[in-house]
């Protein structure tokens, strides 16, 4: 098994262990959709690099696709029905866009075994957890 798979599996294990199901599902969603989207869009649409290995097109495309996927969860997944009563869809869409874009943009370093398949999940898990904690207090942070 190569390092990318191990990073992905370790990230899945950690976010399930550390966060509630809302946060874990969104964190896994960010890496599953955002990372491939960033790679494909970053290579196929030439745009200036923000930092080494992170382009505007890759990061922005990943944020947009993750936001759209998170909105599908928001509207159609039964676990997120409670969330609909607490957070307006447009606020959740904006937060999802910012969080997934930031999680994709933050650094990862394969030389230190910090593969982006691991770090994107951890970053997005921490950011979504923090967002839910500030926005909803304790009502959803330790939730189902």
N, C-alpha and C. Protein backbone atom coordinates (compact mmCIF):
# COMPACT_ATOMS: atom_id res chain seq x y z
N UNK A 1 0.87 -1.18 0.00
CA UNK A 1 0.00 0.00 0.00
C UNK A 1 0.90 1.22 0.00
N UNK A 2 0.62 2.15 -0.91
CA UNK A 2 1.48 3.34 -0.98
C UNK A 2 1.04 4.40 0.04
N UNK A 3 1.85 5.43 0.14
CA UNK A 3 1.66 6.46 1.18
C UNK A 3 0.34 7.22 1.01
N UNK A 4 -0.10 7.40 -0.24
CA UNK A 4 -1.36 8.14 -0.44
C UNK A 4 -2.54 7.40 0.16
N UNK A 5 -2.59 6.08 -0.05
CA UNK A 5 -3.69 5.30 0.53
C UNK A 5 -3.61 5.29 2.05
N UNK A 6 -2.40 5.16 2.56
CA UNK A 6 -2.24 5.15 4.01
C UNK A 6 -2.65 6.49 4.62
N UNK A 7 -2.27 7.59 3.94
CA UNK A 7 -2.68 8.91 4.41
C UNK A 7 -4.19 9.07 4.40
N UNK A 8 -4.83 8.60 3.34
CA UNK A 8 -6.28 8.69 3.24
C UNK A 8 -6.95 7.87 4.34
N UNK A 9 -6.51 6.61 4.51
CA UNK A 9 -7.11 5.74 5.53
C UNK A 9 -6.86 6.25 6.94
N UNK A 10 -5.66 6.75 7.19
CA UNK A 10 -5.37 7.33 8.51
C UNK A 10 -6.24 8.55 8.76
N UNK A 11 -6.42 9.38 7.74
CA UNK A 11 -7.28 10.56 7.88
C UNK A 11 -8.72 10.19 8.16
N UNK A 12 -9.24 9.18 7.45
CA UNK A 12 -10.61 8.72 7.69
C UNK A 12 -10.75 8.23 9.13
N UNK A 13 -9.79 7.42 9.57
CA UNK A 13 -9.82 6.91 10.94
C UNK A 13 -9.80 8.05 11.96
N UNK A 14 -8.92 9.02 11.76
CA UNK A 14 -8.79 10.12 12.72
C UNK A 14 -10.03 11.00 12.78
N UNK A 15 -10.61 11.35 11.62
CA UNK A 15 -11.77 12.25 11.66
C UNK A 15 -12.99 11.53 12.24
N UNK A 16 -13.11 10.22 12.00
CA UNK A 16 -14.21 9.48 12.61
C UNK A 16 -14.01 9.38 14.12
N UNK A 17 -12.77 9.22 14.53
CA UNK A 17 -12.45 9.11 15.95
C UNK A 17 -12.61 10.44 16.69
N UNK A 18 -12.19 11.53 16.05
CA UNK A 18 -12.11 12.83 16.73
C UNK A 18 -13.37 13.69 16.65
N UNK A 19 -14.17 13.53 15.58
CA UNK A 19 -15.26 14.47 15.34
C UNK A 19 -16.60 13.76 15.29
N UNK A 20 -17.68 14.55 15.40
CA UNK A 20 -19.01 13.97 15.25
C UNK A 20 -19.26 13.59 13.79
N UNK A 21 -20.37 12.94 13.54
CA UNK A 21 -20.59 12.41 12.19
C UNK A 21 -20.77 13.51 11.13
N UNK A 22 -21.34 14.65 11.50
CA UNK A 22 -21.47 15.75 10.53
C UNK A 22 -20.09 16.19 10.05
N UNK A 23 -19.24 16.46 11.01
CA UNK A 23 -17.90 16.94 10.69
C UNK A 23 -17.09 15.88 9.96
N UNK A 24 -17.17 14.64 10.41
CA UNK A 24 -16.41 13.56 9.77
C UNK A 24 -16.85 13.36 8.32
N UNK A 25 -18.17 13.38 8.09
CA UNK A 25 -18.66 13.19 6.73
C UNK A 25 -18.20 14.33 5.83
N UNK A 26 -18.25 15.55 6.32
CA UNK A 26 -17.82 16.69 5.51
C UNK A 26 -16.31 16.67 5.26
N UNK A 27 -15.53 16.26 6.25
CA UNK A 27 -14.07 16.20 6.09
C UNK A 27 -13.69 15.14 5.05
N UNK A 28 -14.32 13.98 5.12
CA UNK A 28 -14.03 12.92 4.14
C UNK A 28 -14.51 13.35 2.76
N UNK A 29 -15.62 14.04 2.71
CA UNK A 29 -16.12 14.57 1.44
C UNK A 29 -15.13 15.56 0.82
N UNK A 30 -14.54 16.41 1.65
CA UNK A 30 -13.58 17.41 1.14
C UNK A 30 -12.38 16.75 0.47
N UNK A 31 -11.86 15.70 1.07
CA UNK A 31 -10.69 15.06 0.46
C UNK A 31 -11.10 14.20 -0.74
N UNK A 32 -12.26 13.59 -0.67
CA UNK A 32 -12.68 12.70 -1.75
C UNK A 32 -13.05 13.45 -3.02
N UNK A 33 -13.60 14.62 -2.88
CA UNK A 33 -13.99 15.42 -4.05
C UNK A 33 -12.99 16.53 -4.33
N UNK A 34 -12.57 17.22 -3.29
CA UNK A 34 -11.73 18.39 -3.46
C UNK A 34 -10.33 18.10 -3.96
N UNK A 35 -9.69 17.08 -3.42
CA UNK A 35 -8.30 16.81 -3.82
C UNK A 35 -8.18 16.39 -5.28
N UNK A 36 -9.01 15.45 -5.77
CA UNK A 36 -8.92 15.14 -7.21
C UNK A 36 -9.31 16.33 -8.10
N UNK A 37 -10.31 17.09 -7.65
CA UNK A 37 -10.72 18.27 -8.44
C UNK A 37 -9.59 19.28 -8.51
N UNK A 38 -8.91 19.50 -7.40
CA UNK A 38 -7.79 20.45 -7.38
C UNK A 38 -6.69 20.00 -8.33
N UNK A 39 -6.39 18.71 -8.33
CA UNK A 39 -5.34 18.21 -9.20
C UNK A 39 -5.71 18.36 -10.68
N UNK A 40 -6.91 17.93 -11.03
CA UNK A 40 -7.34 18.00 -12.43
C UNK A 40 -7.46 19.44 -12.91
N UNK A 41 -8.13 20.27 -12.13
CA UNK A 41 -8.33 21.66 -12.54
C UNK A 41 -7.03 22.46 -12.50
N UNK A 42 -6.19 22.18 -11.51
CA UNK A 42 -4.92 22.88 -11.41
C UNK A 42 -4.00 22.60 -12.58
N UNK A 43 -4.07 21.38 -13.11
CA UNK A 43 -3.22 21.01 -14.26
C UNK A 43 -3.84 21.46 -15.57
N UNK A 44 -5.16 21.28 -15.71
CA UNK A 44 -5.79 21.55 -17.01
C UNK A 44 -6.10 23.03 -17.25
N UNK A 45 -6.33 23.79 -16.20
CA UNK A 45 -6.61 25.23 -16.35
C UNK A 45 -5.40 25.98 -15.80
N UNK A 46 -4.61 26.49 -16.69
CA UNK A 46 -3.39 27.20 -16.25
C UNK A 46 -3.76 28.52 -15.60
N UNK A 47 -3.33 28.65 -14.37
CA UNK A 47 -3.57 29.88 -13.60
C UNK A 47 -2.35 30.11 -12.72
N UNK A 48 -2.18 31.33 -12.26
CA UNK A 48 -1.02 31.60 -11.40
C UNK A 48 -1.05 30.75 -10.13
N UNK A 49 0.14 30.37 -9.69
CA UNK A 49 0.25 29.64 -8.44
C UNK A 49 0.21 30.64 -7.28
N UNK A 50 -0.53 30.29 -6.26
CA UNK A 50 -0.59 31.11 -5.05
C UNK A 50 0.69 30.87 -4.25
N UNK A 51 0.96 29.59 -4.00
CA UNK A 51 2.23 29.14 -3.44
C UNK A 51 2.64 27.92 -4.25
N UNK A 52 3.80 27.40 -4.01
CA UNK A 52 4.29 26.26 -4.80
C UNK A 52 3.31 25.08 -4.73
N UNK A 53 2.83 24.67 -5.89
CA UNK A 53 1.94 23.54 -5.98
C UNK A 53 0.47 23.83 -5.73
N UNK A 54 0.11 25.08 -5.48
CA UNK A 54 -1.28 25.46 -5.20
C UNK A 54 -1.67 26.59 -6.14
N UNK A 55 -2.53 26.27 -7.12
CA UNK A 55 -2.95 27.29 -8.08
C UNK A 55 -4.33 27.81 -7.72
N UNK A 56 -4.64 28.95 -8.28
CA UNK A 56 -5.95 29.57 -8.07
C UNK A 56 -7.03 28.67 -8.65
N UNK A 57 -6.79 28.11 -9.83
CA UNK A 57 -7.81 27.27 -10.46
C UNK A 57 -8.03 25.97 -9.69
N UNK A 58 -6.97 25.37 -9.20
CA UNK A 58 -7.12 24.12 -8.44
C UNK A 58 -7.81 24.34 -7.11
N UNK A 59 -7.35 25.33 -6.36
CA UNK A 59 -7.92 25.60 -5.05
C UNK A 59 -9.36 26.09 -5.17
N UNK A 60 -9.61 27.00 -6.10
CA UNK A 60 -10.97 27.51 -6.29
C UNK A 60 -11.93 26.45 -6.80
N UNK A 61 -11.47 25.63 -7.74
CA UNK A 61 -12.31 24.55 -8.25
C UNK A 61 -12.64 23.52 -7.18
N UNK A 62 -11.64 23.19 -6.35
CA UNK A 62 -11.87 22.26 -5.25
C UNK A 62 -12.88 22.84 -4.28
N UNK A 63 -12.75 24.10 -3.94
CA UNK A 63 -13.67 24.74 -3.00
C UNK A 63 -15.09 24.75 -3.56
N UNK A 64 -15.23 25.05 -4.84
CA UNK A 64 -16.56 25.10 -5.45
C UNK A 64 -17.21 23.72 -5.48
N UNK A 65 -16.47 22.70 -5.91
CA UNK A 65 -17.05 21.35 -5.97
C UNK A 65 -17.35 20.79 -4.58
N UNK A 66 -16.50 21.08 -3.62
CA UNK A 66 -16.78 20.64 -2.24
C UNK A 66 -18.01 21.35 -1.69
N UNK A 67 -18.14 22.62 -2.00
CA UNK A 67 -19.31 23.38 -1.56
C UNK A 67 -20.59 22.78 -2.16
N UNK A 68 -20.56 22.47 -3.43
CA UNK A 68 -21.73 21.87 -4.08
C UNK A 68 -22.07 20.51 -3.47
N UNK A 69 -21.04 19.69 -3.22
CA UNK A 69 -21.27 18.38 -2.60
C UNK A 69 -21.80 18.54 -1.17
N UNK A 70 -21.25 19.49 -0.42
CA UNK A 70 -21.74 19.72 0.95
C UNK A 70 -23.19 20.18 0.92
N UNK A 71 -23.58 20.95 -0.08
CA UNK A 71 -24.96 21.39 -0.18
C UNK A 71 -25.89 20.23 -0.51
N UNK A 72 -25.42 19.26 -1.27
CA UNK A 72 -26.23 18.06 -1.51
C UNK A 72 -26.47 17.32 -0.20
N UNK A 73 -25.43 17.22 0.63
CA UNK A 73 -25.59 16.62 1.96
C UNK A 73 -26.58 17.45 2.78
N UNK A 74 -26.42 18.74 2.76
CA UNK A 74 -27.27 19.64 3.55
C UNK A 74 -28.75 19.45 3.21
N UNK A 75 -29.07 19.36 1.93
CA UNK A 75 -30.47 19.27 1.52
C UNK A 75 -31.03 17.86 1.52
N UNK A 76 -30.20 16.84 1.27
CA UNK A 76 -30.75 15.52 1.02
C UNK A 76 -30.33 14.41 1.98
N UNK A 77 -29.34 14.64 2.82
CA UNK A 77 -28.91 13.58 3.74
C UNK A 77 -29.71 13.70 5.04
N UNK A 78 -30.26 12.60 5.54
CA UNK A 78 -31.11 12.70 6.73
C UNK A 78 -30.40 13.23 7.98
N UNK A 79 -29.11 13.00 8.13
CA UNK A 79 -28.39 13.51 9.30
C UNK A 79 -28.35 15.03 9.34
N UNK A 80 -28.48 15.65 8.17
CA UNK A 80 -28.34 17.10 8.10
C UNK A 80 -29.67 17.84 8.22
N UNK A 81 -30.76 17.13 8.45
CA UNK A 81 -32.06 17.78 8.60
C UNK A 81 -32.07 18.72 9.80
N UNK A 82 -31.43 18.32 10.89
CA UNK A 82 -31.33 19.18 12.07
C UNK A 82 -30.53 20.43 11.76
N UNK A 83 -29.51 20.28 10.96
CA UNK A 83 -28.67 21.41 10.60
C UNK A 83 -29.45 22.46 9.82
N UNK A 84 -30.41 22.01 8.99
CA UNK A 84 -31.21 22.94 8.19
C UNK A 84 -32.02 23.88 9.07
N UNK A 85 -32.42 23.43 10.25
CA UNK A 85 -33.20 24.29 11.13
C UNK A 85 -32.33 25.31 11.85
N UNK A 86 -31.03 25.05 11.94
CA UNK A 86 -30.14 25.93 12.71
C UNK A 86 -29.32 26.88 11.85
N UNK A 87 -29.00 26.48 10.63
CA UNK A 87 -28.13 27.29 9.76
C UNK A 87 -28.80 27.44 8.39
N UNK A 88 -28.89 28.66 7.92
CA UNK A 88 -29.47 28.92 6.59
C UNK A 88 -28.57 28.31 5.51
N UNK A 89 -29.18 27.92 4.41
CA UNK A 89 -28.43 27.23 3.36
C UNK A 89 -27.31 28.10 2.79
N UNK A 90 -27.57 29.39 2.61
CA UNK A 90 -26.56 30.26 2.02
C UNK A 90 -25.37 30.47 2.97
N UNK A 91 -25.63 30.49 4.27
CA UNK A 91 -24.53 30.60 5.23
C UNK A 91 -23.69 29.32 5.22
N UNK A 92 -24.36 28.17 5.19
CA UNK A 92 -23.64 26.90 5.15
C UNK A 92 -22.85 26.76 3.85
N UNK A 93 -23.43 27.22 2.74
CA UNK A 93 -22.72 27.16 1.45
C UNK A 93 -21.46 28.02 1.49
N UNK A 94 -21.58 29.23 2.01
CA UNK A 94 -20.43 30.12 2.10
C UNK A 94 -19.35 29.54 3.02
N UNK A 95 -19.77 29.04 4.18
CA UNK A 95 -18.81 28.43 5.12
C UNK A 95 -18.14 27.21 4.51
N UNK A 96 -18.90 26.38 3.81
CA UNK A 96 -18.34 25.18 3.17
C UNK A 96 -17.32 25.56 2.10
N UNK A 97 -17.63 26.60 1.33
CA UNK A 97 -16.71 27.06 0.30
C UNK A 97 -15.40 27.54 0.93
N UNK A 98 -15.50 28.37 1.96
CA UNK A 98 -14.30 28.89 2.62
C UNK A 98 -13.49 27.79 3.30
N UNK A 99 -14.16 26.92 4.01
CA UNK A 99 -13.47 25.85 4.74
C UNK A 99 -12.78 24.89 3.79
N UNK A 100 -13.48 24.45 2.75
CA UNK A 100 -12.86 23.50 1.83
C UNK A 100 -11.73 24.15 1.03
N UNK A 101 -11.89 25.41 0.66
CA UNK A 101 -10.80 26.11 -0.03
C UNK A 101 -9.58 26.28 0.85
N UNK A 102 -9.81 26.63 2.09
CA UNK A 102 -8.70 26.79 3.03
C UNK A 102 -8.03 25.45 3.32
N UNK A 103 -8.81 24.40 3.49
CA UNK A 103 -8.25 23.06 3.75
C UNK A 103 -7.40 22.59 2.57
N UNK A 104 -7.83 22.91 1.37
CA UNK A 104 -7.05 22.54 0.18
C UNK A 104 -5.78 23.37 0.07
N UNK A 105 -5.87 24.63 0.47
CA UNK A 105 -4.75 25.56 0.33
C UNK A 105 -3.66 25.37 1.38
N UNK A 106 -4.05 25.00 2.59
CA UNK A 106 -3.07 24.87 3.67
C UNK A 106 -1.99 23.84 3.32
N UNK A 107 -0.81 24.01 3.87
CA UNK A 107 0.32 23.20 3.41
C UNK A 107 0.24 21.72 3.78
N UNK A 108 0.83 20.93 2.92
CA UNK A 108 1.07 19.52 3.18
C UNK A 108 2.47 19.23 2.65
N UNK A 109 3.13 18.27 3.24
CA UNK A 109 4.51 17.99 2.86
C UNK A 109 4.72 16.48 2.85
N UNK A 110 4.88 15.92 1.66
CA UNK A 110 5.07 14.48 1.55
C UNK A 110 6.41 14.03 2.10
N UNK A 111 7.37 14.93 2.20
CA UNK A 111 8.66 14.55 2.77
C UNK A 111 8.52 14.21 4.26
N UNK A 112 7.50 14.77 4.92
CA UNK A 112 7.30 14.52 6.34
C UNK A 112 6.11 13.59 6.57
N UNK A 113 5.67 12.86 5.57
CA UNK A 113 4.52 11.97 5.63
C UNK A 113 3.23 12.73 5.88
N UNK A 114 3.21 13.99 5.52
CA UNK A 114 1.99 14.78 5.65
C UNK A 114 1.35 14.90 4.27
N UNK A 115 0.93 13.79 3.75
CA UNK A 115 0.30 13.75 2.45
C UNK A 115 -1.02 14.53 2.49
N UNK A 116 -1.38 15.17 1.39
CA UNK A 116 -2.60 15.97 1.39
C UNK A 116 -3.86 15.13 1.58
N UNK A 117 -3.80 13.83 1.30
CA UNK A 117 -4.94 12.96 1.58
C UNK A 117 -5.21 12.84 3.07
N UNK A 118 -4.20 13.08 3.87
CA UNK A 118 -4.35 13.12 5.33
C UNK A 118 -4.66 14.54 5.80
N UNK A 119 -3.86 15.50 5.36
CA UNK A 119 -3.97 16.85 5.92
C UNK A 119 -5.28 17.55 5.55
N UNK A 120 -5.80 17.33 4.35
CA UNK A 120 -7.06 17.98 3.96
C UNK A 120 -8.18 17.54 4.89
N UNK A 121 -8.21 16.25 5.24
CA UNK A 121 -9.25 15.76 6.16
C UNK A 121 -9.10 16.37 7.55
N UNK A 122 -7.88 16.43 8.03
CA UNK A 122 -7.65 16.98 9.36
C UNK A 122 -7.98 18.48 9.38
N UNK A 123 -7.46 19.21 8.40
CA UNK A 123 -7.74 20.65 8.34
C UNK A 123 -9.24 20.92 8.24
N UNK A 124 -9.92 20.23 7.31
CA UNK A 124 -11.35 20.50 7.15
C UNK A 124 -12.14 20.03 8.36
N UNK A 125 -11.72 18.94 9.00
CA UNK A 125 -12.39 18.51 10.22
C UNK A 125 -12.28 19.54 11.33
N UNK A 126 -11.08 20.05 11.54
CA UNK A 126 -10.89 21.08 12.57
C UNK A 126 -11.67 22.34 12.23
N UNK A 127 -11.64 22.75 10.97
CA UNK A 127 -12.34 23.98 10.58
C UNK A 127 -13.85 23.84 10.66
N UNK A 128 -14.41 22.71 10.19
CA UNK A 128 -15.85 22.50 10.31
C UNK A 128 -16.27 22.38 11.78
N UNK A 129 -15.47 21.68 12.56
CA UNK A 129 -15.77 21.56 13.99
C UNK A 129 -15.79 22.93 14.66
N UNK A 130 -14.81 23.76 14.34
CA UNK A 130 -14.74 25.11 14.90
C UNK A 130 -15.93 25.95 14.45
N UNK A 131 -16.28 25.84 13.18
CA UNK A 131 -17.44 26.57 12.65
C UNK A 131 -18.72 26.17 13.39
N UNK A 132 -18.95 24.85 13.51
CA UNK A 132 -20.14 24.38 14.21
C UNK A 132 -20.14 24.82 15.68
N UNK A 133 -18.96 24.78 16.31
CA UNK A 133 -18.87 25.17 17.73
C UNK A 133 -19.22 26.65 17.91
N UNK A 134 -18.69 27.51 17.05
CA UNK A 134 -18.98 28.94 17.17
C UNK A 134 -20.41 29.25 16.75
N UNK A 135 -20.87 28.59 15.72
CA UNK A 135 -22.18 28.91 15.18
C UNK A 135 -23.33 28.31 15.99
N UNK A 136 -23.14 27.10 16.48
CA UNK A 136 -24.21 26.38 17.14
C UNK A 136 -23.99 26.14 18.63
N UNK A 137 -22.85 26.51 19.13
CA UNK A 137 -22.53 26.21 20.52
C UNK A 137 -22.34 24.71 20.69
N UNK A 138 -22.72 24.19 21.81
CA UNK A 138 -22.54 22.76 22.08
C UNK A 138 -23.68 21.91 21.58
N UNK A 139 -24.70 22.48 20.97
CA UNK A 139 -25.87 21.71 20.56
C UNK A 139 -25.55 20.69 19.47
N UNK A 140 -24.54 20.95 18.66
CA UNK A 140 -24.24 20.01 17.57
C UNK A 140 -22.80 19.53 17.60
N UNK A 141 -21.95 20.17 18.37
CA UNK A 141 -20.54 19.82 18.35
C UNK A 141 -20.33 18.38 18.78
N UNK A 142 -20.98 17.93 19.81
CA UNK A 142 -20.84 16.55 20.22
C UNK A 142 -21.94 15.67 19.68
N UNK A 143 -22.69 16.19 18.73
CA UNK A 143 -23.90 15.57 18.21
C UNK A 143 -23.74 14.17 17.66
N UNK A 144 -24.74 13.70 16.95
CA UNK A 144 -24.76 12.32 16.48
C UNK A 144 -23.61 11.98 15.57
